[in-house]
Amino acid sequence: MAKVIIVEPNISEDENQQNWKKVQEVLENIAQEINEAS
Protein backbone atom coordinates (compact mmCIF):
# COMPACT_ATOMS: atom_id res chain seq x y z
CA MET A 1 0.00 0.00 0.00
CA ALA A 2 1.23 3.47 -0.81
CA LYS A 3 2.14 5.55 2.18
CA VAL A 4 1.31 9.23 2.29
CA ILE A 5 3.91 11.28 4.13
CA ILE A 6 2.58 14.63 5.27
CA VAL A 7 5.45 17.07 5.00
CA GLU A 8 5.22 20.08 7.28
CA PRO A 9 7.92 22.12 8.93
CA ASN A 10 8.43 21.24 12.59
CA ILE A 11 6.12 18.22 12.48
CA SER A 12 7.09 15.39 14.77
CA GLU A 13 7.10 11.71 13.82
CA ASP A 14 4.29 11.13 16.34
CA GLU A 15 2.14 13.79 14.69
CA ASN A 16 2.89 12.32 11.28
CA GLN A 17 1.79 8.88 12.52
CA GLN A 18 -1.43 10.33 13.99
CA ASN A 19 -2.21 12.16 10.73
CA TRP A 20 -1.61 8.96 8.77
CA LYS A 21 -3.98 7.04 11.07
CA LYS A 22 -6.66 9.70 10.47
CA VAL A 23 -6.18 9.37 6.71
CA GLN A 24 -6.53 5.59 6.93
CA GLU A 25 -9.71 5.92 9.03
CA VAL A 26 -11.24 8.27 6.45
CA LEU A 27 -10.37 5.88 3.62
CA GLU A 28 -11.91 2.97 5.53
CA ASN A 29 -15.09 4.98 6.15
CA ILE A 30 -15.34 5.82 2.44
CA ALA A 31 -14.83 2.16 1.52
CA GLN A 32 -17.60 1.11 3.94
CA GLU A 33 -19.99 3.70 2.48
CA ILE A 34 -19.26 2.46 -1.05
CA ASN A 35 -19.89 -1.16 0.04
CA GLU A 36 -23.17 -0.22 1.72
CA ALA A 37 -24.33 1.83 -1.28
CA SER A 38 -23.75 -0.97 -3.79
PDB file of N, CA and C in Angstrom:
ATOM      1  N   MET A   1       0.850  -1.199   0.000  1.00  0.00           N
ATOM      2  CA  MET A   1       0.000   0.000   0.000  1.00  0.00           C
ATOM      3  C   MET A   1       0.882   1.243   0.000  1.00  0.00           C
ATOM      4  N   ALA A   2       0.473   2.210  -0.770  1.00  0.00           N
ATOM      5  CA  ALA A   2       1.225   3.469  -0.814  1.00  0.00           C
ATOM      6  C   ALA A   2       1.105   4.171   0.530  1.00  0.00           C
ATOM      7  N   LYS A   3       2.171   4.814   0.924  1.00  0.00           N
ATOM      8  CA  LYS A   3       2.145   5.555   2.180  1.00  0.00           C
ATOM      9  C   LYS A   3       2.238   7.042   1.892  1.00  0.00           C
ATOM     10  N   VAL A   4       1.307   7.782   2.447  1.00  0.00           N
ATOM     11  CA  VAL A   4       1.311   9.231   2.291  1.00  0.00           C
ATOM     12  C   VAL A   4       2.119   9.814   3.433  1.00  0.00           C
ATOM     13  N   ILE A   5       3.117  10.606   3.102  1.00  0.00           N
ATOM     14  CA  ILE A   5       3.906  11.282   4.128  1.00  0.00           C
ATOM     15  C   ILE A   5       3.520  12.753   4.080  1.00  0.00           C
ATOM     16  N   ILE A   6       2.994  13.239   5.183  1.00  0.00           N
ATOM     17  CA  ILE A   6       2.577  14.631   5.265  1.00  0.00           C
ATOM     18  C   ILE A   6       3.802  15.440   5.668  1.00  0.00           C
ATOM     19  N   VAL A   7       4.228  16.303   4.760  1.00  0.00           N
ATOM     20  CA  VAL A   7       5.449  17.071   4.995  1.00  0.00           C
ATOM     21  C   VAL A   7       5.067  18.461   5.478  1.00  0.00           C
ATOM     22  N   GLU A   8       5.453  18.754   6.712  1.00  0.00           N
ATOM     23  CA  GLU A   8       5.220  20.078   7.277  1.00  0.00           C
ATOM     24  C   GLU A   8       6.457  20.446   8.074  1.00  0.00           C
ATOM     25  N   PRO A   9       6.799  21.723   8.086  1.00  0.00           N
ATOM     26  CA  PRO A   9       7.922  22.119   8.934  1.00  0.00           C
ATOM     27  C   PRO A   9       7.588  21.874  10.405  1.00  0.00           C
ATOM     28  N   ASN A  10       8.573  21.420  11.147  1.00  0.00           N
ATOM     29  CA  ASN A  10       8.430  21.239  12.595  1.00  0.00           C
ATOM     30  C   ASN A  10       7.385  20.194  12.984  1.00  0.00           C
ATOM     31  N   ILE A  11       7.074  19.276  12.095  1.00  0.00           N
ATOM     32  CA  ILE A  11       6.122  18.217  12.479  1.00  0.00           C
ATOM     33  C   ILE A  11       6.918  17.046  13.050  1.00  0.00           C
ATOM     34  N   SER A  12       6.407  16.511  14.138  1.00  0.00           N
ATOM     35  CA  SER A  12       7.094  15.388  14.774  1.00  0.00           C
ATOM     36  C   SER A  12       6.662  14.078  14.133  1.00  0.00           C
ATOM     37  N   GLU A  13       7.458  13.038  14.349  1.00  0.00           N
ATOM     38  CA  GLU A  13       7.104  11.714  13.819  1.00  0.00           C
ATOM     39  C   GLU A  13       5.786  11.243  14.421  1.00  0.00           C
ATOM     40  N   ASP A  14       5.552  11.532  15.703  1.00  0.00           N
ATOM     41  CA  ASP A  14       4.288  11.129  16.338  1.00  0.00           C
ATOM     42  C   ASP A  14       3.101  11.785  15.648  1.00  0.00           C
ATOM     43  N   GLU A  15       3.226  13.095  15.372  1.00  0.00           N
ATOM     44  CA  GLU A  15       2.136  13.794  14.692  1.00  0.00           C
ATOM     45  C   GLU A  15       1.920  13.209  13.307  1.00  0.00           C
ATOM     46  N   ASN A  16       3.006  12.899  12.621  1.00  0.00           N
ATOM     47  CA  ASN A  16       2.888  12.320  11.284  1.00  0.00           C
ATOM     48  C   ASN A  16       2.146  10.984  11.350  1.00  0.00           C
ATOM     49  N   GLN A  17       2.468  10.170  12.355  1.00  0.00           N
ATOM     50  CA  GLN A  17       1.789   8.880  12.521  1.00  0.00           C
ATOM     51  C   GLN A  17       0.299   9.089  12.808  1.00  0.00           C
ATOM     52  N   GLN A  18      -0.030  10.069  13.657  1.00  0.00           N
ATOM     53  CA  GLN A  18      -1.433  10.334  13.986  1.00  0.00           C
ATOM     54  C   GLN A  18      -2.186  10.799  12.750  1.00  0.00           C
ATOM     55  N   ASN A  19      -1.564  11.680  11.959  1.00  0.00           N
ATOM     56  CA  ASN A  19      -2.208  12.163  10.735  1.00  0.00           C
ATOM     57  C   ASN A  19      -2.449  11.004   9.786  1.00  0.00           C
ATOM     58  N   TRP A  20      -1.473  10.109   9.676  1.00  0.00           N
ATOM     59  CA  TRP A  20      -1.613   8.960   8.774  1.00  0.00           C
ATOM     60  C   TRP A  20      -2.755   8.065   9.233  1.00  0.00           C
ATOM     61  N   LYS A  21      -2.879   7.862  10.557  1.00  0.00           N
ATOM     62  CA  LYS A  21      -3.985   7.040  11.069  1.00  0.00           C
ATOM     63  C   LYS A  21      -5.326   7.677  10.716  1.00  0.00           C
ATOM     64  N   LYS A  22      -5.409   9.010  10.822  1.00  0.00           N
ATOM     65  CA  LYS A  22      -6.657   9.699  10.470  1.00  0.00           C
ATOM     66  C   LYS A  22      -6.982   9.493   9.001  1.00  0.00           C
ATOM     67  N   VAL A  23      -5.964   9.584   8.149  1.00  0.00           N
ATOM     68  CA  VAL A  23      -6.178   9.374   6.707  1.00  0.00           C
ATOM     69  C   VAL A  23      -6.705   7.965   6.470  1.00  0.00           C
ATOM     70  N   GLN A  24      -6.092   6.977   7.112  1.00  0.00           N
ATOM     71  CA  GLN A  24      -6.533   5.591   6.932  1.00  0.00           C
ATOM     72  C   GLN A  24      -7.975   5.411   7.398  1.00  0.00           C
ATOM     73  N   GLU A  25      -8.344   6.042   8.523  1.00  0.00           N
ATOM     74  CA  GLU A  25      -9.715   5.924   9.028  1.00  0.00           C
ATOM     75  C   GLU A  25     -10.702   6.498   8.022  1.00  0.00           C
ATOM     76  N   VAL A  26     -10.360   7.651   7.444  1.00  0.00           N
ATOM     77  CA  VAL A  26     -11.244   8.274   6.455  1.00  0.00           C
ATOM     78  C   VAL A  26     -11.407   7.359   5.248  1.00  0.00           C
ATOM     79  N   LEU A  27     -10.295   6.784   4.781  1.00  0.00           N
ATOM     80  CA  LEU A  27     -10.369   5.884   3.623  1.00  0.00           C
ATOM     81  C   LEU A  27     -11.228   4.665   3.938  1.00  0.00           C
ATOM     82  N   GLU A  28     -11.101   4.128   5.149  1.00  0.00           N
ATOM     83  CA  GLU A  28     -11.909   2.970   5.533  1.00  0.00           C
ATOM     84  C   GLU A  28     -13.390   3.340   5.584  1.00  0.00           C
ATOM     85  N   ASN A  29     -13.695   4.535   6.092  1.00  0.00           N
ATOM     86  CA  ASN A  29     -15.089   4.982   6.151  1.00  0.00           C
ATOM     87  C   ASN A  29     -15.662   5.120   4.752  1.00  0.00           C
ATOM     88  N   ILE A  30     -14.880   5.668   3.826  1.00  0.00           N
ATOM     89  CA  ILE A  30     -15.335   5.816   2.442  1.00  0.00           C
ATOM     90  C   ILE A  30     -15.585   4.439   1.837  1.00  0.00           C
ATOM     91  N   ALA A  31     -14.673   3.508   2.071  1.00  0.00           N
ATOM     92  CA  ALA A  31     -14.826   2.156   1.523  1.00  0.00           C
ATOM     93  C   ALA A  31     -16.097   1.505   2.066  1.00  0.00           C
ATOM     94  N   GLN A  32     -16.384   1.687   3.347  1.00  0.00           N
ATOM     95  CA  GLN A  32     -17.595   1.114   3.939  1.00  0.00           C
ATOM     96  C   GLN A  32     -18.836   1.719   3.298  1.00  0.00           C
ATOM     97  N   GLU A  33     -18.827   3.040   3.080  1.00  0.00           N
ATOM     98  CA  GLU A  33     -19.989   3.698   2.483  1.00  0.00           C
ATOM     99  C   GLU A  33     -20.221   3.181   1.069  1.00  0.00           C
ATOM    100  N   ILE A  34     -19.138   2.976   0.321  1.00  0.00           N
ATOM    101  CA  ILE A  34     -19.263   2.455  -1.048  1.00  0.00           C
ATOM    102  C   ILE A  34     -19.860   1.048  -1.004  1.00  0.00           C
ATOM    103  N   ASN A  35     -19.380   0.217  -0.073  1.00  0.00           N
ATOM    104  CA  ASN A  35     -19.893  -1.155   0.039  1.00  0.00           C
ATOM    105  C   ASN A  35     -21.377  -1.155   0.394  1.00  0.00           C
ATOM    106  N   GLU A  36     -21.774  -0.262   1.294  1.00  0.00           N
ATOM    107  CA  GLU A  36     -23.171  -0.219   1.716  1.00  0.00           C
ATOM    108  C   GLU A  36     -24.062   0.315   0.597  1.00  0.00           C
ATOM    109  N   ALA A  37     -23.532   1.218  -0.216  1.00  0.00           N
ATOM    110  CA  ALA A  37     -24.328   1.833  -1.281  1.00  0.00           C
ATOM    111  C   ALA A  37     -24.554   0.870  -2.439  1.00  0.00           C
ATOM    112  N   SER A  38     -23.642  -0.081  -2.631  1.00  0.00           N
ATOM    113  CA  SER A  38     -23.754  -0.971  -3.791  1.00  0.00           C
ATOM    114  C   SER A  38     -24.599  -2.208  -3.486  1.00  0.00           C
TER     115      SER A  38
END
